[in-house]
Amino acid sequence: SYARTMELNVWTGTELVESAHEGEQGWRITLRRADGSTRT
């Protein structure tokens, strides 16, 4: 309920599957979501 009330952006059922740090550009993170899709 805290997450809903504070309007937090939360993806459940989601795992970090790949990552790379690209210097000043920051991170490139691939996430596998609950429905099996991926999002970078």
PDB file of all heavy atoms in Angstrom:
ATOM      1  N   SER A   1       0.828  -1.208   0.000  1.00  0.00           N
ATOM      2  CA  SER A   1       0.000   0.000   0.000  1.00  0.00           C
ATOM      3  C   SER A   1       0.862   1.257   0.000  1.00  0.00           C
ATOM      4  O   SER A   1       0.489   2.278  -0.600  1.00  0.00           O
ATOM      5  CB  SER A   1      -0.948  -0.004   1.203  1.00  0.00           C
ATOM      6  OG  SER A   1      -0.227   0.031   2.423  1.00  0.00           O
ATOM      7  N   TYR A   2       2.034   1.185   0.639  1.00  0.00           N
ATOM      8  CA  TYR A   2       2.969   2.321   0.652  1.00  0.00           C
ATOM      9  C   TYR A   2       3.389   2.675  -0.776  1.00  0.00           C
ATOM     10  O   TYR A   2       3.415   3.847  -1.159  1.00  0.00           O
ATOM     11  CB  TYR A   2       4.184   1.959   1.499  1.00  0.00           C
ATOM     12  CG  TYR A   2       5.243   3.034   1.614  1.00  0.00           C
ATOM     13  CD1 TYR A   2       5.133   4.037   2.566  1.00  0.00           C
ATOM     14  CD2 TYR A   2       6.370   3.025   0.794  1.00  0.00           C
ATOM     15  CE1 TYR A   2       6.118   5.019   2.685  1.00  0.00           C
ATOM     16  CE2 TYR A   2       7.351   3.994   0.906  1.00  0.00           C
ATOM     17  CZ  TYR A   2       7.223   4.990   1.856  1.00  0.00           C
ATOM     18  OH  TYR A   2       8.197   5.959   1.973  1.00  0.00           O
ATOM     19  N   ALA A   3       3.716   1.658  -1.562  1.00  0.00           N
ATOM     20  CA  ALA A   3       4.148   1.905  -2.940  1.00  0.00           C
ATOM     21  C   ALA A   3       3.043   2.565  -3.750  1.00  0.00           C
ATOM     22  O   ALA A   3       3.307   3.461  -4.570  1.00  0.00           O
ATOM     23  CB  ALA A   3       4.581   0.592  -3.589  1.00  0.00           C
ATOM     24  N   ARG A   4       1.801   2.137  -3.540  1.00  0.00           N
ATOM     25  CA  ARG A   4       0.692   2.764  -4.270  1.00  0.00           C
ATOM     26  C   ARG A   4       0.477   4.199  -3.817  1.00  0.00           C
ATOM     27  O   ARG A   4       0.317   5.108  -4.634  1.00  0.00           O
ATOM     28  CB  ARG A   4      -0.592   1.951  -4.060  1.00  0.00           C
ATOM     29  CG  ARG A   4      -0.630   0.621  -4.798  1.00  0.00           C
ATOM     30  CD  ARG A   4      -2.051   0.079  -4.868  1.00  0.00           C
ATOM     31  NE  ARG A   4      -2.624  -0.116  -3.536  1.00  0.00           N
ATOM     32  CZ  ARG A   4      -2.519  -1.251  -2.849  1.00  0.00           C
ATOM     33  NH1 ARG A   4      -1.861  -2.273  -3.367  1.00  0.00           N
ATOM     34  NH2 ARG A   4      -3.071  -1.352  -1.668  1.00  0.00           N
ATOM     35  N   THR A   5       0.462   4.407  -2.505  1.00  0.00           N
ATOM     36  CA  THR A   5       0.186   5.744  -1.978  1.00  0.00           C
ATOM     37  C   THR A   5       1.267   6.742  -2.380  1.00  0.00           C
ATOM     38  O   THR A   5       0.969   7.887  -2.728  1.00  0.00           O
ATOM     39  CB  THR A   5       0.070   5.692  -0.447  1.00  0.00           C
ATOM     40  OG1 THR A   5      -0.979   4.782  -0.091  1.00  0.00           O
ATOM     41  CG2 THR A   5      -0.234   7.061   0.131  1.00  0.00           C
ATOM     42  N   MET A   6       2.529   6.306  -2.343  1.00  0.00           N
ATOM     43  CA  MET A   6       3.637   7.199  -2.687  1.00  0.00           C
ATOM     44  C   MET A   6       3.888   7.260  -4.195  1.00  0.00           C
ATOM     45  O   MET A   6       4.814   7.919  -4.643  1.00  0.00           O
ATOM     46  CB  MET A   6       4.918   6.750  -1.969  1.00  0.00           C
ATOM     47  CG  MET A   6       4.845   6.832  -0.448  1.00  0.00           C
ATOM     48  SD  MET A   6       4.450   8.486   0.173  1.00  0.00           S
ATOM     49  CE  MET A   6       5.826   9.444  -0.438  1.00  0.00           C
ATOM     50  N   GLU A   7       3.045   6.572  -4.989  1.00  0.00           N
ATOM     51  CA  GLU A   7       3.135   6.589  -6.450  1.00  0.00           C
ATOM     52  C   GLU A   7       4.529   6.197  -6.937  1.00  0.00           C
ATOM     53  O   GLU A   7       5.162   6.875  -7.755  1.00  0.00           O
ATOM     54  CB  GLU A   7       2.738   7.957  -7.007  1.00  0.00           C
ATOM     55  CG  GLU A   7       1.293   8.324  -6.701  1.00  0.00           C
ATOM     56  CD  GLU A   7       0.836   9.583  -7.404  1.00  0.00           C
ATOM     57  OE1 GLU A   7       1.637  10.182  -8.155  1.00  0.00           O
ATOM     58  OE2 GLU A   7      -0.328   9.973  -7.201  1.00  0.00           O
ATOM     59  N   LEU A   8       5.004   5.058  -6.429  1.00  0.00           N
ATOM     60  CA  LEU A   8       6.311   4.550  -6.820  1.00  0.00           C
ATOM     61  C   LEU A   8       6.175   3.683  -8.068  1.00  0.00           C
ATOM     62  O   LEU A   8       5.183   2.985  -8.248  1.00  0.00           O
ATOM     63  CB  LEU A   8       6.924   3.744  -5.671  1.00  0.00           C
ATOM     64  CG  LEU A   8       6.977   4.452  -4.316  1.00  0.00           C
ATOM     65  CD1 LEU A   8       7.657   3.564  -3.279  1.00  0.00           C
ATOM     66  CD2 LEU A   8       7.683   5.798  -4.426  1.00  0.00           C
ATOM     67  N   ASN A   9       7.167   3.740  -8.900  1.00  0.00           N
ATOM     68  CA  ASN A   9       7.184   2.965 -10.138  1.00  0.00           C
ATOM     69  C   ASN A   9       7.878   1.635  -9.864  1.00  0.00           C
ATOM     70  O   ASN A   9       9.107   1.576  -9.762  1.00  0.00           O
ATOM     71  CB  ASN A   9       7.922   3.728 -11.237  1.00  0.00           C
ATOM     72  CG  ASN A   9       7.347   5.123 -11.433  1.00  0.00           C
ATOM     73  OD1 ASN A   9       6.132   5.288 -11.498  1.00  0.00           O
ATOM     74  ND2 ASN A   9       8.215   6.122 -11.503  1.00  0.00           N
ATOM     75  N   VAL A  10       7.089   0.591  -9.708  1.00  0.00           N
ATOM     76  CA  VAL A  10       7.622  -0.716  -9.315  1.00  0.00           C
ATOM     77  C   VAL A  10       7.212  -1.767 -10.343  1.00  0.00           C
ATOM     78  O   VAL A  10       6.023  -1.883 -10.673  1.00  0.00           O
ATOM     79  CB  VAL A  10       7.122  -1.131  -7.922  1.00  0.00           C
ATOM     80  CG1 VAL A  10       7.757  -2.457  -7.504  1.00  0.00           C
ATOM     81  CG2 VAL A  10       7.424  -0.048  -6.881  1.00  0.00           C
ATOM     82  N   TRP A  11       8.191  -2.509 -10.839  1.00  0.00           N
ATOM     83  CA  TRP A  11       7.915  -3.656 -11.707  1.00  0.00           C
ATOM     84  C   TRP A  11       8.194  -4.928 -10.909  1.00  0.00           C
ATOM     85  O   TRP A  11       9.342  -5.230 -10.579  1.00  0.00           O
ATOM     86  CB  TRP A  11       8.815  -3.641 -12.940  1.00  0.00           C
ATOM     87  CG  TRP A  11       8.556  -2.488 -13.876  1.00  0.00           C
ATOM     88  CD1 TRP A  11       7.604  -1.520 -13.769  1.00  0.00           C
ATOM     89  CD2 TRP A  11       9.288  -2.201 -15.081  1.00  0.00           C
ATOM     90  NE1 TRP A  11       7.681  -0.642 -14.822  1.00  0.00           N
ATOM     91  CE2 TRP A  11       8.707  -1.031 -15.646  1.00  0.00           C
ATOM     92  CE3 TRP A  11      10.352  -2.806 -15.729  1.00  0.00           C
ATOM     93  CZ2 TRP A  11       9.178  -0.467 -16.826  1.00  0.00           C
ATOM     94  CZ3 TRP A  11      10.835  -2.246 -16.899  1.00  0.00           C
ATOM     95  CH2 TRP A  11      10.248  -1.091 -17.449  1.00  0.00           C
ATOM     96  N   THR A  12       7.154  -5.664 -10.575  1.00  0.00           N
ATOM     97  CA  THR A  12       7.332  -6.938  -9.882  1.00  0.00           C
ATOM     98  C   THR A  12       7.502  -8.062 -10.901  1.00  0.00           C
ATOM     99  O   THR A  12       7.280  -7.874 -12.098  1.00  0.00           O
ATOM    100  CB  THR A  12       6.133  -7.219  -8.974  1.00  0.00           C
ATOM    101  OG1 THR A  12       4.928  -7.158  -9.743  1.00  0.00           O
ATOM    102  CG2 THR A  12       6.056  -6.203  -7.839  1.00  0.00           C
ATOM    103  N   GLY A  13       7.912  -9.228 -10.413  1.00  0.00           N
ATOM    104  CA  GLY A  13       8.161 -10.346 -11.320  1.00  0.00           C
ATOM    105  C   GLY A  13       9.237 -10.038 -12.339  1.00  0.00           C
ATOM    106  O   GLY A  13       9.233 -10.585 -13.441  1.00  0.00           O
ATOM    107  N   THR A  14      10.170  -9.174 -11.972  1.00  0.00           N
ATOM    108  CA  THR A  14      11.169  -8.667 -12.920  1.00  0.00           C
ATOM    109  C   THR A  14      12.566  -8.950 -12.401  1.00  0.00           C
ATOM    110  O   THR A  14      12.874  -8.692 -11.238  1.00  0.00           O
ATOM    111  CB  THR A  14      10.986  -7.157 -13.134  1.00  0.00           C
ATOM    112  OG1 THR A  14       9.679  -6.913 -13.666  1.00  0.00           O
ATOM    113  CG2 THR A  14      12.030  -6.595 -14.074  1.00  0.00           C
ATOM    114  N   GLU A  15      13.416  -9.466 -13.268  1.00  0.00           N
ATOM    115  CA  GLU A  15      14.786  -9.802 -12.888  1.00  0.00           C
ATOM    116  C   GLU A  15      15.783  -9.090 -13.785  1.00  0.00           C
ATOM    117  O   GLU A  15      15.543  -8.880 -14.972  1.00  0.00           O
ATOM    118  CB  GLU A  15      15.016 -11.313 -12.983  1.00  0.00           C
ATOM    119  CG  GLU A  15      14.235 -12.122 -11.969  1.00  0.00           C
ATOM    120  CD  GLU A  15      14.708 -13.561 -11.925  1.00  0.00           C
ATOM    121  OE1 GLU A  15      15.799 -13.802 -11.371  1.00  0.00           O
ATOM    122  OE2 GLU A  15      14.001 -14.428 -12.462  1.00  0.00           O
ATOM    123  N   LEU A  16      16.914  -8.730 -13.194  1.00  0.00           N
ATOM    124  CA  LEU A  16      18.031  -8.171 -13.945  1.00  0.00           C
ATOM    125  C   LEU A  16      18.793  -9.339 -14.577  1.00  0.00           C
ATOM    126  O   LEU A  16      19.292 -10.213 -13.868  1.00  0.00           O
ATOM    127  CB  LEU A  16      18.926  -7.371 -13.001  1.00  0.00           C
ATOM    128  CG  LEU A  16      20.059  -6.536 -13.603  1.00  0.00           C
ATOM    129  CD1 LEU A  16      20.441  -5.415 -12.640  1.00  0.00           C
ATOM    130  CD2 LEU A  16      21.286  -7.385 -13.910  1.00  0.00           C
ATOM    131  N   VAL A  17      18.869  -9.356 -15.905  1.00  0.00           N
ATOM    132  CA  VAL A  17      19.493 -10.497 -16.585  1.00  0.00           C
ATOM    133  C   VAL A  17      20.792 -10.132 -17.288  1.00  0.00           C
ATOM    134  O   VAL A  17      21.580 -11.016 -17.626  1.00  0.00           O
ATOM    135  CB  VAL A  17      18.513 -11.142 -17.592  1.00  0.00           C
ATOM    136  CG1 VAL A  17      17.338 -11.758 -16.866  1.00  0.00           C
ATOM    137  CG2 VAL A  17      18.043 -10.147 -18.642  1.00  0.00           C
ATOM    138  N   GLU A  18      21.030  -8.855 -17.527  1.00  0.00           N
ATOM    139  CA  GLU A  18      22.275  -8.455 -18.194  1.00  0.00           C
ATOM    140  C   GLU A  18      22.563  -7.012 -17.847  1.00  0.00           C
ATOM    141  O   GLU A  18      21.638  -6.189 -17.716  1.00  0.00           O
ATOM    142  CB  GLU A  18      22.140  -8.616 -19.711  1.00  0.00           C
ATOM    143  CG  GLU A  18      23.441  -8.399 -20.476  1.00  0.00           C
ATOM    144  CD  GLU A  18      23.288  -8.643 -21.971  1.00  0.00           C
ATOM    145  OE1 GLU A  18      22.266  -9.250 -22.366  1.00  0.00           O
ATOM    146  OE2 GLU A  18      24.178  -8.224 -22.723  1.00  0.00           O
ATOM    147  N   SER A  19      23.841  -6.695 -17.681  1.00  0.00           N
ATOM    148  CA  SER A  19      24.193  -5.316 -17.320  1.00  0.00           C
ATOM    149  C   SER A  19      25.554  -4.959 -17.881  1.00  0.00           C
ATOM    150  O   SER A  19      26.406  -5.824 -18.100  1.00  0.00           O
ATOM    151  CB  SER A  19      24.209  -5.153 -15.797  1.00  0.00           C
ATOM    152  OG  SER A  19      25.260  -5.908 -15.227  1.00  0.00           O
ATOM    153  N   ALA A  20      25.733  -3.675 -18.124  1.00  0.00           N
ATOM    154  CA  ALA A  20      27.038  -3.151 -18.532  1.00  0.00           C
ATOM    155  C   ALA A  20      27.099  -1.695 -18.114  1.00  0.00           C
ATOM    156  O   ALA A  20      26.116  -0.954 -18.250  1.00  0.00           O
ATOM    157  CB  ALA A  20      27.230  -3.282 -20.040  1.00  0.00           C
ATOM    158  N   HIS A  21      28.252  -1.292 -17.586  1.00  0.00           N
ATOM    159  CA  HIS A  21      28.455   0.113 -17.258  1.00  0.00           C
ATOM    160  C   HIS A  21      29.240   0.762 -18.386  1.00  0.00           C
ATOM    161  O   HIS A  21      30.331   0.295 -18.747  1.00  0.00           O
ATOM    162  CB  HIS A  21      29.205   0.260 -15.932  1.00  0.00           C
ATOM    163  CG  HIS A  21      29.264   1.678 -15.453  1.00  0.00           C
ATOM    164  ND1 HIS A  21      30.386   2.468 -15.572  1.00  0.00           N
ATOM    165  CD2 HIS A  21      28.309   2.452 -14.878  1.00  0.00           C
ATOM    166  CE1 HIS A  21      30.136   3.670 -15.078  1.00  0.00           C
ATOM    167  NE2 HIS A  21      28.888   3.687 -14.650  1.00  0.00           N
ATOM    168  N   GLU A  22      28.675   1.822 -18.954  1.00  0.00           N
ATOM    169  CA  GLU A  22      29.238   2.425 -20.159  1.00  0.00           C
ATOM    170  C   GLU A  22      29.802   3.813 -19.878  1.00  0.00           C
ATOM    171  O   GLU A  22      29.566   4.771 -20.605  1.00  0.00           O
ATOM    172  CB  GLU A  22      28.168   2.473 -21.249  1.00  0.00           C
ATOM    173  CG  GLU A  22      27.659   1.071 -21.603  1.00  0.00           C
ATOM    174  CD  GLU A  22      26.562   1.078 -22.655  1.00  0.00           C
ATOM    175  OE1 GLU A  22      25.838   2.100 -22.746  1.00  0.00           O
ATOM    176  OE2 GLU A  22      26.426   0.074 -23.375  1.00  0.00           O
ATOM    177  N   GLY A  23      30.552   3.908 -18.789  1.00  0.00           N
ATOM    178  CA  GLY A  23      31.227   5.162 -18.460  1.00  0.00           C
ATOM    179  C   GLY A  23      30.260   6.274 -18.142  1.00  0.00           C
ATOM    180  O   GLY A  23      29.297   6.099 -17.393  1.00  0.00           O
ATOM    181  N   GLU A  24      30.508   7.439 -18.730  1.00  0.00           N
ATOM    182  CA  GLU A  24      29.685   8.607 -18.439  1.00  0.00           C
ATOM    183  C   GLU A  24      28.234   8.427 -18.875  1.00  0.00           C
ATOM    184  O   GLU A  24      27.345   9.128 -18.404  1.00  0.00           O
ATOM    185  CB  GLU A  24      30.287   9.842 -19.111  1.00  0.00           C
ATOM    186  CG  GLU A  24      31.651  10.243 -18.550  1.00  0.00           C
ATOM    187  CD  GLU A  24      32.168  11.506 -19.210  1.00  0.00           C
ATOM    188  OE1 GLU A  24      31.472  12.031 -20.115  1.00  0.00           O
ATOM    189  OE2 GLU A  24      33.272  11.970 -18.824  1.00  0.00           O
ATOM    190  N   GLN A  25      27.972   7.498 -19.769  1.00  0.00           N
ATOM    191  CA  GLN A  25      26.602   7.258 -20.216  1.00  0.00           C
ATOM    192  C   GLN A  25      25.791   6.471 -19.178  1.00  0.00           C
ATOM    193  O   GLN A  25      24.574   6.361 -19.305  1.00  0.00           O
ATOM    194  CB  GLN A  25      26.621   6.495 -21.537  1.00  0.00           C
ATOM    195  CG  GLN A  25      27.289   7.262 -22.667  1.00  0.00           C
ATOM    196  CD  GLN A  25      27.301   6.450 -23.947  1.00  0.00           C
ATOM    197  OE1 GLN A  25      26.307   5.839 -24.318  1.00  0.00           O
ATOM    198  NE2 GLN A  25      28.453   6.437 -24.618  1.00  0.00           N
ATOM    199  N   GLY A  26      26.470   5.905 -18.192  1.00  0.00           N
ATOM    200  CA  GLY A  26      25.761   5.173 -17.154  1.00  0.00           C
ATOM    201  C   GLY A  26      25.623   3.696 -17.477  1.00  0.00           C
ATOM    202  O   GLY A  26      26.477   3.098 -18.124  1.00  0.00           O
ATOM    203  N   TRP A  27      24.516   3.118 -17.073  1.00  0.00           N
ATOM    204  CA  TRP A  27      24.299   1.681 -17.175  1.00  0.00           C
ATOM    205  C   TRP A  27      23.392   1.327 -18.354  1.00  0.00           C
ATOM    206  O   TRP A  27      22.492   2.083 -18.702  1.00  0.00           O
ATOM    207  CB  TRP A  27      23.648   1.151 -15.898  1.00  0.00           C
ATOM    208  CG  TRP A  27      24.504   1.244 -14.678  1.00  0.00           C
ATOM    209  CD1 TRP A  27      24.589   2.306 -13.816  1.00  0.00           C
ATOM    210  CD2 TRP A  27      25.406   0.253 -14.178  1.00  0.00           C
ATOM    211  NE1 TRP A  27      25.477   2.038 -12.817  1.00  0.00           N
ATOM    212  CE2 TRP A  27      25.992   0.783 -13.007  1.00  0.00           C
ATOM    213  CE3 TRP A  27      25.746  -1.029 -14.605  1.00  0.00           C
ATOM    214  CZ2 TRP A  27      26.918   0.059 -12.255  1.00  0.00           C
ATOM    215  CZ3 TRP A  27      26.681  -1.740 -13.861  1.00  0.00           C
ATOM    216  CH2 TRP A  27      27.249  -1.203 -12.699  1.00  0.00           C
ATOM    217  N   ARG A  28      23.651   0.148 -18.905  1.00  0.00           N
ATOM    218  CA  ARG A  28      22.711  -0.486 -19.836  1.00  0.00           C
ATOM    219  C   ARG A  28      22.255  -1.782 -19.186  1.00  0.00           C
ATOM    220  O   ARG A  28      23.023  -2.721 -19.022  1.00  0.00           O
ATOM    221  CB  ARG A  28      23.365  -0.740 -21.187  1.00  0.00           C
ATOM    222  CG  ARG A  28      22.470  -1.489 -22.174  1.00  0.00           C
ATOM    223  CD  ARG A  28      23.095  -1.526 -23.579  1.00  0.00           C
ATOM    224  NE  ARG A  28      24.488  -1.907 -23.541  1.00  0.00           N
ATOM    225  CZ  ARG A  28      24.926  -3.175 -23.452  1.00  0.00           C
ATOM    226  NH1 ARG A  28      24.050  -4.174 -23.368  1.00  0.00           N
ATOM    227  NH2 ARG A  28      26.221  -3.435 -23.447  1.00  0.00           N
ATOM    228  N   ILE A  29      20.994  -1.817 -18.778  1.00  0.00           N
ATOM    229  CA  ILE A  29      20.462  -2.929 -17.984  1.00  0.00           C
ATOM    230  C   ILE A  29      19.324  -3.602 -18.749  1.00  0.00           C
ATOM    231  O   ILE A  29      18.382  -2.935 -19.180  1.00  0.00           O
ATOM    232  CB  ILE A  29      19.921  -2.435 -16.624  1.00  0.00           C
ATOM    233  CG1 ILE A  29      20.981  -1.640 -15.855  1.00  0.00           C
ATOM    234  CG2 ILE A  29      19.392  -3.613 -15.809  1.00  0.00           C
ATOM    235  CD1 ILE A  29      22.094  -2.458 -15.307  1.00  0.00           C
ATOM    236  N   THR A  30      19.422  -4.913 -18.904  1.00  0.00           N
ATOM    237  CA  THR A  30      18.331  -5.677 -19.515  1.00  0.00           C
ATOM    238  C   THR A  30      17.532  -6.360 -18.411  1.00  0.00           C
ATOM    239  O   THR A  30      18.096  -7.064 -17.563  1.00  0.00           O
ATOM    240  CB  THR A  30      18.870  -6.736 -20.491  1.00  0.00           C
ATOM    241  OG1 THR A  30      19.613  -6.063 -21.532  1.00  0.00           O
ATOM    242  CG2 THR A  30      17.724  -7.520 -21.118  1.00  0.00           C
ATOM    243  N   LEU A  31      16.229  -6.139 -18.450  1.00  0.00           N
ATOM    244  CA  LEU A  31      15.314  -6.681 -17.444  1.00  0.00           C
ATOM    245  C   LEU A  31      14.365  -7.671 -18.110  1.00  0.00           C
ATOM    246  O   LEU A  31      13.842  -7.397 -19.195  1.00  0.00           O
ATOM    247  CB  LEU A  31      14.503  -5.556 -16.796  1.00  0.00           C
ATOM    248  CG  LEU A  31      15.306  -4.433 -16.128  1.00  0.00           C
ATOM    249  CD1 LEU A  31      14.381  -3.275 -15.760  1.00  0.00           C
ATOM    250  CD2 LEU A  31      16.046  -4.941 -14.904  1.00  0.00           C
ATOM    251  N   ARG A  32      14.138  -8.802 -17.456  1.00  0.00           N
ATOM    252  CA  ARG A  32      13.125  -9.748 -17.917  1.00  0.00           C
ATOM    253  C   ARG A  32      11.897  -9.585 -17.033  1.00  0.00           C
ATOM    254  O   ARG A  32      11.968  -9.735 -15.828  1.00  0.00           O
ATOM    255  CB  ARG A  32      13.610 -11.185 -17.861  1.00  0.00           C
ATOM    256  CG  ARG A  32      12.545 -12.189 -18.354  1.00  0.00           C
ATOM    257  CD  ARG A  32      12.995 -13.629 -18.230  1.00  0.00           C
ATOM    258  NE  ARG A  32      14.152 -13.885 -19.084  1.00  0.00           N
ATOM    259  CZ  ARG A  32      15.350 -14.257 -18.631  1.00  0.00           C
ATOM    260  NH1 ARG A  32      15.549 -14.392 -17.327  1.00  0.00           N
ATOM    261  NH2 ARG A  32      16.348 -14.471 -19.460  1.00  0.00           N
ATOM    262  N   ARG A  33      10.772  -9.265 -17.661  1.00  0.00           N
ATOM    263  CA  ARG A  33       9.568  -8.949 -16.915  1.00  0.00           C
ATOM    264  C   ARG A  33       8.698 -10.178 -16.701  1.00  0.00           C
ATOM    265  O   ARG A  33       8.974 -11.267 -17.223  1.00  0.00           O
ATOM    266  CB  ARG A  33       8.802  -7.834 -17.626  1.00  0.00           C
ATOM    267  CG  ARG A  33       9.680  -6.589 -17.848  1.00  0.00           C
ATOM    268  CD  ARG A  33       8.880  -5.398 -18.257  1.00  0.00           C
ATOM    269  NE  ARG A  33       7.954  -4.995 -17.189  1.00  0.00           N
ATOM    270  CZ  ARG A  33       7.108  -3.979 -17.295  1.00  0.00           C
ATOM    271  NH1 ARG A  33       7.087  -3.265 -18.432  1.00  0.00           N
ATOM    272  NH2 ARG A  33       6.304  -3.657 -16.320  1.00  0.00           N
ATOM    273  N   ALA A  34       7.615  -9.980 -15.957  1.00  0.00           N
ATOM    274  CA  ALA A  34       6.776 -11.104 -15.542  1.00  0.00           C
ATOM    275  C   ALA A  34       6.177 -11.854 -16.723  1.00  0.00           C
ATOM    276  O   ALA A  34       5.956 -13.071 -16.649  1.00  0.00           O
ATOM    277  CB  ALA A  34       5.669 -10.599 -14.612  1.00  0.00           C
ATOM    278  N   ASP A  35       5.915 -11.150 -17.821  1.00  0.00           N
ATOM    279  CA  ASP A  35       5.298 -11.806 -18.977  1.00  0.00           C
ATOM    280  C   ASP A  35       6.325 -12.445 -19.912  1.00  0.00           C
ATOM    281  O   ASP A  35       5.987 -12.932 -20.991  1.00  0.00           O
ATOM    282  CB  ASP A  35       4.436 -10.806 -19.756  1.00  0.00           C
ATOM    283  CG  ASP A  35       5.249  -9.627 -20.291  1.00  0.00           C
ATOM    284  OD1 ASP A  35       6.491  -9.603 -20.105  1.00  0.00           O
ATOM    285  OD2 ASP A  35       4.648  -8.720 -20.891  1.00  0.00           O
ATOM    286  N   GLY A  36       7.591 -12.445 -19.503  1.00  0.00           N
ATOM    287  CA  GLY A  36       8.639 -13.043 -20.322  1.00  0.00           C
ATOM    288  C   GLY A  36       9.311 -12.087 -21.282  1.00  0.00           C
ATOM    289  O   GLY A  36      10.344 -12.432 -21.875  1.00  0.00           O
ATOM    290  N   SER A  37       8.757 -10.894 -21.468  1.00  0.00           N
ATOM    291  CA  SER A  37       9.367  -9.908 -22.356  1.00  0.00           C
ATOM    292  C   SER A  37      10.594  -9.290 -21.688  1.00  0.00           C
ATOM    293  O   SER A  37      10.777  -9.385 -20.470  1.00  0.00           O
ATOM    294  CB  SER A  37       8.352  -8.810 -22.700  1.00  0.00           C
ATOM    295  OG  SER A  37       8.003  -8.080 -21.531  1.00  0.00           O
ATOM    296  N   THR A  38      11.442  -8.663 -22.503  1.00  0.00           N
ATOM    297  CA  THR A  38      12.613  -7.978 -21.967  1.00  0.00           C
ATOM    298  C   THR A  38      12.544  -6.497 -22.302  1.00  0.00           C
ATOM    299  O   THR A  38      11.925  -6.090 -23.286  1.00  0.00           O
ATOM    300  CB  THR A  38      13.919  -8.564 -22.530  1.00  0.00           C
ATOM    301  OG1 THR A  38      13.918  -8.430 -23.956  1.00  0.00           O
ATOM    302  CG2 THR A  38      14.070 -10.021 -22.132  1.00  0.00           C
ATOM    303  N   ARG A  39      13.197  -5.722 -21.473  1.00  0.00           N
ATOM    304  CA  ARG A  39      13.250  -4.273 -21.670  1.00  0.00           C
ATOM    305  C   ARG A  39      14.636  -3.807 -21.255  1.00  0.00           C
ATOM    306  O   ARG A  39      15.130  -4.184 -20.183  1.00  0.00           O
ATOM    307  CB  ARG A  39      12.172  -3.591 -20.821  1.00  0.00           C
ATOM    308  CG  ARG A  39      12.286  -2.080 -20.689  1.00  0.00           C
ATOM    309  CD  ARG A  39      11.679  -1.322 -21.845  1.00  0.00           C
ATOM    310  NE  ARG A  39      11.755   0.121 -21.594  1.00  0.00           N
ATOM    311  CZ  ARG A  39      10.791   0.856 -21.037  1.00  0.00           C
ATOM    312  NH1 ARG A  39       9.661   0.274 -20.643  1.00  0.00           N
ATOM    313  NH2 ARG A  39      10.929   2.158 -20.857  1.00  0.00           N
ATOM    314  N   THR A  40      15.270  -3.043 -22.083  1.00  0.00           N
ATOM    315  CA  THR A  40      16.572  -2.472 -21.759  1.00  0.00           C
ATOM    316  C   THR A  40      16.382  -1.030 -21.302  1.00  0.00           C
ATOM    317  O   THR A  40      15.738  -0.237 -21.998  1.00  0.00           O
ATOM    318  CB  THR A  40      17.515  -2.516 -22.967  1.00  0.00           C
ATOM    319  OG1 THR A  40      17.733  -3.882 -23.339  1.00  0.00           O
ATOM    320  CG2 THR A  40      18.855  -1.876 -22.628  1.00  0.00           C
TER     321      THR A  40
END
